[in-house]
PDB file of N, CA and C in Angstrom:
ATOM      1  N   UNK A   1      69.137  -4.615  64.831  1.00  0.00           N
ATOM      2  CA  UNK A   1      68.119  -5.409  65.792  1.00  0.00           C
ATOM      3  C   UNK A   1      68.104  -4.679  67.106  1.00  0.00           C
ATOM      4  N   UNK A   2      66.894  -4.460  67.457  1.00  0.00           N
ATOM      5  CA  UNK A   2      66.592  -3.757  68.662  1.00  0.00           C
ATOM      6  C   UNK A   2      67.134  -4.574  69.898  1.00  0.00           C
ATOM      7  N   UNK A   3      67.566  -4.005  70.800  1.00  0.00           N
ATOM      8  CA  UNK A   3      68.099  -4.801  72.123  1.00  0.00           C
ATOM      9  C   UNK A   3      67.017  -5.581  72.960  1.00  0.00           C
ATOM     10  N   UNK A   4      65.821  -5.118  72.739  1.00  0.00           N
ATOM     11  CA  UNK A   4      64.792  -5.605  73.699  1.00  0.00           C
ATOM     12  C   UNK A   4      64.030  -6.648  72.774  1.00  0.00           C
ATOM     13  N   UNK A   5      64.458  -7.031  71.552  1.00  0.00           N
ATOM     14  CA  UNK A   5      63.716  -7.975  70.756  1.00  0.00           C
ATOM     15  C   UNK A   5      64.431  -9.181  71.169  1.00  0.00           C
ATOM     16  N   UNK A   6      63.308 -10.161  71.284  1.00  0.00           N
ATOM     17  CA  UNK A   6      63.874 -11.593  71.429  1.00  0.00           C
ATOM     18  C   UNK A   6      63.546 -12.404  70.502  1.00  0.00           C
ATOM     19  N   UNK A   7      64.250 -13.596  70.265  1.00  0.00           N
ATOM     20  CA  UNK A   7      64.151 -14.712  69.251  1.00  0.00           C
ATOM     21  C   UNK A   7      62.853 -15.447  69.809  1.00  0.00           C
ATOM     22  N   UNK A   8      61.857 -15.840  68.897  1.00  0.00           N
ATOM     23  CA  UNK A   8      60.667 -16.511  69.271  1.00  0.00           C
ATOM     24  C   UNK A   8      60.523 -17.963  68.493  1.00  0.00           C
ATOM     25  N   UNK A   9      60.994 -17.900  67.271  1.00  0.00           N
ATOM     26  CA  UNK A   9      60.878 -19.162  66.500  1.00  0.00           C
ATOM     27  C   UNK A   9      61.684 -18.969  65.106  1.00  0.00           C
ATOM     28  N   UNK A  10      61.680 -20.302  64.504  1.00  0.00           N
ATOM     29  CA  UNK A  10      62.245 -20.341  63.172  1.00  0.00           C
ATOM     30  C   UNK A  10      61.182 -20.217  62.169  1.00  0.00           C
ATOM     31  N   UNK A  11      61.475 -19.693  60.956  1.00  0.00           N
ATOM     32  CA  UNK A  11      60.656 -19.867  59.882  1.00  0.00           C
ATOM     33  C   UNK A  11      61.274 -20.554  58.807  1.00  0.00           C
ATOM     34  N   UNK A  12      60.699 -21.313  58.137  1.00  0.00           N
ATOM     35  CA  UNK A  12      61.112 -22.204  56.976  1.00  0.00           C
ATOM     36  C   UNK A  12      61.269 -21.397  55.692  1.00  0.00           C
ATOM     37  N   UNK A  13      62.265 -21.376  55.100  1.00  0.00           N
ATOM     38  CA  UNK A  13      62.392 -20.846  53.833  1.00  0.00           C
ATOM     39  C   UNK A  13      62.249 -21.882  52.542  1.00  0.00           C
ATOM     40  N   UNK A  14      61.940 -23.063  53.047  1.00  0.00           N
ATOM     41  CA  UNK A  14      61.701 -23.987  51.899  1.00  0.00           C
ATOM     42  C   UNK A  14      60.460 -23.795  51.148  1.00  0.00           C
ATOM     43  N   UNK A  15      60.480 -24.484  49.895  1.00  0.00           N
ATOM     44  CA  UNK A  15      59.285 -24.185  49.168  1.00  0.00           C
ATOM     45  C   UNK A  15      58.121 -25.061  49.857  1.00  0.00           C
ATOM     46  N   UNK A  16      56.908 -24.492  49.935  1.00  0.00           N
ATOM     47  CA  UNK A  16      55.854 -25.040  50.506  1.00  0.00           C
ATOM     48  C   UNK A  16      54.871 -25.504  49.524  1.00  0.00           C
ATOM     49  N   UNK A  17      54.414 -26.667  49.520  1.00  0.00           N
ATOM     50  CA  UNK A  17      53.345 -27.245  48.525  1.00  0.00           C
ATOM     51  C   UNK A  17      52.132 -27.527  49.437  1.00  0.00           C
ATOM     52  N   UNK A  18      50.860 -27.114  48.720  1.00  0.00           N
ATOM     53  CA  UNK A  18      49.652 -27.339  49.493  1.00  0.00           C
ATOM     54  C   UNK A  18      48.669 -27.566  48.348  1.00  0.00           C
ATOM     55  N   UNK A  19      47.688 -28.538  48.683  1.00  0.00           N
ATOM     56  CA  UNK A  19      46.592 -28.857  47.720  1.00  0.00           C
ATOM     57  C   UNK A  19      45.291 -27.887  48.124  1.00  0.00           C
ATOM     58  N   UNK A  20      44.854 -27.360  47.050  1.00  0.00           N
ATOM     59  CA  UNK A  20      43.663 -26.561  47.360  1.00  0.00           C
ATOM     60  C   UNK A  20      42.479 -27.415  47.287  1.00  0.00           C
ATOM     61  N   UNK A  21      41.319 -26.949  47.914  1.00  0.00           N
ATOM     62  CA  UNK A  21      40.102 -27.896  47.810  1.00  0.00           C
ATOM     63  C   UNK A  21      39.501 -27.884  46.511  1.00  0.00           C
ATOM     64  N   UNK A  22      38.674 -28.736  46.111  1.00  0.00           N
ATOM     65  CA  UNK A  22      38.089 -28.591  44.647  1.00  0.00           C
ATOM     66  C   UNK A  22      37.303 -27.418  44.659  1.00  0.00           C
ATOM     67  N   UNK A  23      37.449 -26.800  43.548  1.00  0.00           N
ATOM     68  CA  UNK A  23      36.697 -25.557  43.302  1.00  0.00           C
ATOM     69  C   UNK A  23      35.760 -25.540  42.038  1.00  0.00           C
ATOM     70  N   UNK A  24      34.386 -25.253  42.059  1.00  0.00           N
ATOM     71  CA  UNK A  24      33.538 -25.234  40.906  1.00  0.00           C
ATOM     72  C   UNK A  24      33.642 -23.892  40.431  1.00  0.00           C
ATOM     73  N   UNK A  25      34.049 -23.716  39.004  1.00  0.00           N
ATOM     74  CA  UNK A  25      34.285 -22.676  38.450  1.00  0.00           C
ATOM     75  C   UNK A  25      33.468 -22.554  37.075  1.00  0.00           C
ATOM     76  N   UNK A  26      33.494 -21.332  36.514  1.00  0.00           N
ATOM     77  CA  UNK A  26      32.701 -21.359  35.119  1.00  0.00           C
ATOM     78  C   UNK A  26      33.801 -20.574  34.383  1.00  0.00           C
ATOM     79  N   UNK A  27      34.031 -20.951  33.150  1.00  0.00           N
ATOM     80  CA  UNK A  27      34.831 -20.456  32.289  1.00  0.00           C
ATOM     81  C   UNK A  27      34.212 -19.447  31.495  1.00  0.00           C
ATOM     82  N   UNK A  28      34.988 -18.577  30.706  1.00  0.00           N
ATOM     83  CA  UNK A  28      34.472 -17.394  29.908  1.00  0.00           C
ATOM     84  C   UNK A  28      33.316 -17.710  28.992  1.00  0.00           C
ATOM     85  N   UNK A  29      33.507 -19.109  28.415  1.00  0.00           N
ATOM     86  CA  UNK A  29      32.432 -19.448  27.592  1.00  0.00           C
ATOM     87  C   UNK A  29      31.350 -20.131  28.137  1.00  0.00           C
ATOM     88  N   UNK A  30      30.928 -20.040  29.415  1.00  0.00           N
ATOM     89  CA  UNK A  30      29.981 -20.686  30.442  1.00  0.00           C
ATOM     90  C   UNK A  30      29.978 -22.160  30.521  1.00  0.00           C
ATOM     91  N   UNK A  31      31.311 -22.677  30.485  1.00  0.00           N
ATOM     92  CA  UNK A  31      31.430 -23.986  30.713  1.00  0.00           C
ATOM     93  C   UNK A  31      31.786 -24.261  32.158  1.00  0.00           C
ATOM     94  N   UNK A  32      30.909 -25.121  32.931  1.00  0.00           N
ATOM     95  CA  UNK A  32      31.339 -25.359  34.410  1.00  0.00           C
ATOM     96  C   UNK A  32      32.304 -26.488  34.410  1.00  0.00           C
ATOM     97  N   UNK A  33      33.287 -26.239  35.357  1.00  0.00           N
ATOM     98  CA  UNK A  33      34.340 -27.229  35.638  1.00  0.00           C
ATOM     99  C   UNK A  33      34.556 -27.277  37.155  1.00  0.00           C
ATOM    100  N   UNK A  34      35.091 -28.429  37.520  1.00  0.00           N
ATOM    101  CA  UNK A  34      35.503 -28.608  38.757  1.00  0.00           C
ATOM    102  C   UNK A  34      37.052 -28.640  38.788  1.00  0.00           C
ATOM    103  N   UNK A  35      37.676 -27.760  39.274  1.00  0.00           N
ATOM    104  CA  UNK A  35      39.085 -27.676  39.313  1.00  0.00           C
ATOM    105  C   UNK A  35      40.064 -28.053  40.682  1.00  0.00           C
ATOM    106  N   UNK A  36      40.868 -28.857  40.556  1.00  0.00           N
ATOM    107  CA  UNK A  36      41.757 -29.136  41.620  1.00  0.00           C
ATOM    108  C   UNK A  36      43.247 -28.753  41.389  1.00  0.00           C
ATOM    109  N   UNK A  37      43.859 -28.154  42.239  1.00  0.00           N
ATOM    110  CA  UNK A  37      45.178 -27.261  42.072  1.00  0.00           C
ATOM    111  C   UNK A  37      45.920 -27.553  43.206  1.00  0.00           C
ATOM    112  N   UNK A  38      47.231 -27.352  42.864  1.00  0.00           N
ATOM    113  CA  UNK A  38      48.285 -27.261  43.914  1.00  0.00           C
ATOM    114  C   UNK A  38      48.952 -25.856  44.005  1.00  0.00           C
ATOM    115  N   UNK A  39      49.284 -25.324  45.124  1.00  0.00           N
ATOM    116  CA  UNK A  39      49.837 -24.122  45.309  1.00  0.00           C
ATOM    117  C   UNK A  39      51.387 -24.319  45.728  1.00  0.00           C
ATOM    118  N   UNK A  40      52.325 -23.793  45.007  1.00  0.00           N
ATOM    119  CA  UNK A  40      53.612 -23.792  45.504  1.00  0.00           C
ATOM    120  C   UNK A  40      54.097 -22.382  45.919  1.00  0.00           C
ATOM    121  N   UNK A  41      54.647 -22.183  47.178  1.00  0.00           N
ATOM    122  CA  UNK A  41      54.987 -21.013  47.701  1.00  0.00           C
ATOM    123  C   UNK A  41      56.220 -20.970  48.608  1.00  0.00           C
ATOM    124  N   UNK A  42      56.750 -19.831  48.859  1.00  0.00           N
ATOM    125  CA  UNK A  42      57.827 -19.678  49.669  1.00  0.00           C
ATOM    126  C   UNK A  42      57.956 -18.262  50.281  1.00  0.00           C
ATOM    127  N   UNK A  43      58.452 -18.290  51.235  1.00  0.00           N
ATOM    128  CA  UNK A  43      58.806 -16.976  51.997  1.00  0.00           C
ATOM    129  C   UNK A  43      60.036 -16.246  51.525  1.00  0.00           C
ATOM    130  N   UNK A  44      59.919 -15.198  50.897  1.00  0.00           N
ATOM    131  CA  UNK A  44      60.962 -14.539  50.330  1.00  0.00           C
ATOM    132  C   UNK A  44      61.670 -13.452  51.589  1.00  0.00           C
ATOM    133  N   UNK A  45      60.839 -12.674  52.013  1.00  0.00           N
ATOM    134  CA  UNK A  45      61.309 -11.730  53.090  1.00  0.00           C
ATOM    135  C   UNK A  45      60.893 -12.217  54.418  1.00  0.00           C
ATOM    136  N   UNK A  46      61.808 -12.632  55.344  1.00  0.00           N
ATOM    137  CA  UNK A  46      61.297 -13.108  56.696  1.00  0.00           C
ATOM    138  C   UNK A  46      60.865 -12.162  57.310  1.00  0.00           C
ATOM    139  N   UNK A  47      61.439 -11.070  57.440  1.00  0.00           N
ATOM    140  CA  UNK A  47      61.017  -9.920  58.456  1.00  0.00           C
ATOM    141  C   UNK A  47      59.628  -9.585  58.036  1.00  0.00           C
ATOM    142  N   UNK A  48      59.293  -9.164  56.959  1.00  0.00           N
ATOM    143  CA  UNK A  48      57.768  -9.028  56.477  1.00  0.00           C
ATOM    144  C   UNK A  48      56.816 -10.229  56.664  1.00  0.00           C
ATOM    145  N   UNK A  49      57.301 -11.389  56.548  1.00  0.00           N
ATOM    146  CA  UNK A  49      56.387 -12.488  57.070  1.00  0.00           C
ATOM    147  C   UNK A  49      56.112 -12.586  58.302  1.00  0.00           C
ATOM    148  N   UNK A  50      57.219 -12.425  59.112  1.00  0.00           N
ATOM    149  CA  UNK A  50      57.279 -12.482  60.773  1.00  0.00           C
ATOM    150  C   UNK A  50      56.398 -11.289  61.304  1.00  0.00           C
ATOM    151  N   UNK A  51      56.490 -10.184  60.675  1.00  0.00           N
ATOM    152  CA  UNK A  51      55.685  -8.888  61.070  1.00  0.00           C
ATOM    153  C   UNK A  51      54.231  -8.970  60.710  1.00  0.00           C
ATOM    154  N   UNK A  52      53.907  -9.342  59.477  1.00  0.00           N
ATOM    155  CA  UNK A  52      52.692  -9.272  59.088  1.00  0.00           C
ATOM    156  C   UNK A  52      51.570 -10.562  59.166  1.00  0.00           C
ATOM    157  N   UNK A  53      52.267 -11.690  59.205  1.00  0.00           N
ATOM    158  CA  UNK A  53      51.445 -12.799  59.135  1.00  0.00           C
ATOM    159  C   UNK A  53      51.720 -13.820  60.042  1.00  0.00           C
ATOM    160  N   UNK A  54      52.710 -13.931  60.608  1.00  0.00           N
ATOM    161  CA  UNK A  54      53.162 -15.012  61.790  1.00  0.00           C
ATOM    162  C   UNK A  54      52.509 -14.813  63.074  1.00  0.00           C
ATOM    163  N   UNK A  55      52.077 -16.106  63.776  1.00  0.00           N
ATOM    164  CA  UNK A  55      51.690 -16.032  65.060  1.00  0.00           C
ATOM    165  C   UNK A  55      53.058 -15.703  65.761  1.00  0.00           C
ATOM    166  N   UNK A  56      53.068 -14.672  66.462  1.00  0.00           N
ATOM    167  CA  UNK A  56      54.310 -14.351  67.409  1.00  0.00           C
ATOM    168  C   UNK A  56      54.153 -14.287  68.767  1.00  0.00           C
ATOM    169  N   UNK A  57      52.731 -14.103  69.167  1.00  0.00           N
ATOM    170  CA  UNK A  57      52.362 -14.130  70.470  1.00  0.00           C
ATOM    171  C   UNK A  57      51.379 -15.337  70.888  1.00  0.00           C
ATOM    172  N   UNK A  58      51.640 -15.904  71.927  1.00  0.00           N
ATOM    173  CA  UNK A  58      50.537 -16.936  72.341  1.00  0.00           C
ATOM    174  C   UNK A  58      49.237 -16.400  72.989  1.00  0.00           C
ATOM    175  N   UNK A  59      48.264 -17.074  73.068  1.00  0.00           N
ATOM    176  CA  UNK A  59      47.038 -16.752  73.623  1.00  0.00           C
ATOM    177  C   UNK A  59      47.286 -16.498  75.024  1.00  0.00           C
ATOM    178  N   UNK A  60      48.121 -17.368  75.712  1.00  0.00           N
ATOM    179  CA  UNK A  60      48.318 -17.215  77.130  1.00  0.00           C
ATOM    180  C   UNK A  60      49.298 -16.212  77.549  1.00  0.00           C
ATOM    181  N   UNK A  61      49.951 -15.572  76.559  1.00  0.00           N
ATOM    182  CA  UNK A  61      50.890 -14.505  77.009  1.00  0.00           C
ATOM    183  C   UNK A  61      52.428 -14.810  77.266  1.00  0.00           C
ATOM    184  N   UNK A  62      52.518 -16.105  77.354  1.00  0.00           N
ATOM    185  CA  UNK A  62      53.863 -16.631  77.659  1.00  0.00           C
ATOM    186  C   UNK A  62      54.604 -17.095  76.442  1.00  0.00           C
ATOM    187  N   UNK A  63      55.830 -16.697  76.260  1.00  0.00           N
ATOM    188  CA  UNK A  63      56.563 -16.846  75.147  1.00  0.00           C
ATOM    189  C   UNK A  63      56.745 -18.350  74.722  1.00  0.00           C
ATOM    190  N   UNK A  64      56.941 -19.237  75.567  1.00  0.00           N
ATOM    191  CA  UNK A  64      57.085 -20.721  75.421  1.00  0.00           C
ATOM    192  C   UNK A  64      55.826 -21.364  74.570  1.00  0.00           C
ATOM    193  N   UNK A  65      54.802 -20.579  74.673  1.00  0.00           N
ATOM    194  CA  UNK A  65      53.596 -21.449  74.142  1.00  0.00           C
ATOM    195  C   UNK A  65      53.354 -21.054  72.748  1.00  0.00           C
ATOM    196  N   UNK A  66      54.139 -20.298  72.084  1.00  0.00           N
ATOM    197  CA  UNK A  66      54.090 -19.925  70.733  1.00  0.00           C
ATOM    198  C   UNK A  66      54.370 -21.252  69.842  1.00  0.00           C
ATOM    199  N   UNK A  67      53.292 -21.467  68.999  1.00  0.00           N
ATOM    200  CA  UNK A  67      53.607 -22.633  68.064  1.00  0.00           C
ATOM    201  C   UNK A  67      54.943 -22.350  67.111  1.00  0.00           C
ATOM    202  N   UNK A  68      55.529 -23.224  66.666  1.00  0.00           N
ATOM    203  CA  UNK A  68      56.635 -23.219  65.718  1.00  0.00           C
ATOM    204  C   UNK A  68      56.295 -23.404  64.389  1.00  0.00           C
ATOM    205  N   UNK A  69      54.995 -23.296  63.960  1.00  0.00           N
ATOM    206  CA  UNK A  69      54.718 -23.520  62.705  1.00  0.00           C
ATOM    207  C   UNK A  69      54.330 -22.205  61.783  1.00  0.00           C
ATOM    208  N   UNK A  70      53.948 -22.409  60.596  1.00  0.00           N
ATOM    209  CA  UNK A  70      53.421 -21.235  59.802  1.00  0.00           C
ATOM    210  C   UNK A  70      52.051 -21.367  59.280  1.00  0.00           C
ATOM    211  N   UNK A  71      51.272 -21.984  60.216  1.00  0.00           N
ATOM    212  CA  UNK A  71      49.845 -22.240  59.821  1.00  0.00           C
ATOM    213  C   UNK A  71      49.072 -21.041  59.296  1.00  0.00           C
ATOM    214  N   UNK A  72      49.185 -20.072  60.094  1.00  0.00           N
ATOM    215  CA  UNK A  72      48.443 -18.895  59.717  1.00  0.00           C
ATOM    216  C   UNK A  72      48.812 -18.251  58.524  1.00  0.00           C
ATOM    217  N   UNK A  73      50.200 -18.161  58.197  1.00  0.00           N
ATOM    218  CA  UNK A  73      50.715 -17.762  56.943  1.00  0.00           C
ATOM    219  C   UNK A  73      50.357 -18.705  55.806  1.00  0.00           C
ATOM    220  N   UNK A  74      50.243 -19.901  55.880  1.00  0.00           N
ATOM    221  CA  UNK A  74      49.738 -20.898  55.034  1.00  0.00           C
ATOM    222  C   UNK A  74      48.307 -20.695  54.796  1.00  0.00           C
ATOM    223  N   UNK A  75      47.579 -20.460  55.739  1.00  0.00           N
ATOM    224  CA  UNK A  75      45.947 -20.382  55.478  1.00  0.00           C
ATOM    225  C   UNK A  75      45.881 -18.964  54.642  1.00  0.00           C
ATOM    226  N   UNK A  76      46.630 -17.854  55.031  1.00  0.00           N
ATOM    227  CA  UNK A  76      46.313 -16.521  54.075  1.00  0.00           C
ATOM    228  C   UNK A  76      46.909 -16.764  52.646  1.00  0.00           C
ATOM    229  N   UNK A  77      47.916 -17.761  52.481  1.00  0.00           N
ATOM    230  CA  UNK A  77      48.380 -17.879  51.089  1.00  0.00           C
ATOM    231  C   UNK A  77      47.098 -18.630  50.177  1.00  0.00           C
ATOM    232  N   UNK A  78      46.756 -19.721  50.978  1.00  0.00           N
ATOM    233  CA  UNK A  78      45.710 -20.469  50.352  1.00  0.00           C
ATOM    234  C   UNK A  78      44.321 -19.634  50.088  1.00  0.00           C
ATOM    235  N   UNK A  79      44.031 -18.739  51.031  1.00  0.00           N
ATOM    236  CA  UNK A  79      42.901 -17.761  50.783  1.00  0.00           C
ATOM    237  C   UNK A  79      43.124 -16.945  49.529  1.00  0.00           C
ATOM    238  N   UNK A  80      44.328 -16.408  49.451  1.00  0.00           N
ATOM    239  CA  UNK A  80      44.619 -15.721  48.236  1.00  0.00           C
ATOM    240  C   UNK A  80      44.572 -16.460  47.111  1.00  0.00           C
ATOM    241  N   UNK A  81      45.014 -17.753  47.104  1.00  0.00           N
ATOM    242  CA  UNK A  81      45.018 -18.428  45.813  1.00  0.00           C
ATOM    243  C   UNK A  81      43.577 -18.642  45.442  1.00  0.00           C
ATOM    244  N   UNK A  82      42.760 -19.100  46.340  1.00  0.00           N
ATOM    245  CA  UNK A  82      41.252 -19.357  46.078  1.00  0.00           C
ATOM    246  C   UNK A  82      40.605 -18.170  45.266  1.00  0.00           C
ATOM    247  N   UNK A  83      40.902 -16.941  45.903  1.00  0.00           N
ATOM    248  CA  UNK A  83      40.338 -15.815  45.503  1.00  0.00           C
ATOM    249  C   UNK A  83      40.678 -15.587  43.907  1.00  0.00           C
TER     250      UNK A  83
END
């Protein structure tokens, strides 16, 4: 760990569960259906998650203003699931 790095927040390694919005889809044999689904996911590599997808800087620039949730990461996971 670099001596100038400072701790900013915790990241949960628990399994996360999110419901997706209802999606209208067409099957291979042209049958239209409305699909409701649930996404179960978890963070495997905390360093990569913190580096690539987590909010680590507050808009104000003050370290204390960083939110302690993983909402941006959750939004990215749900976008990938819908795609």
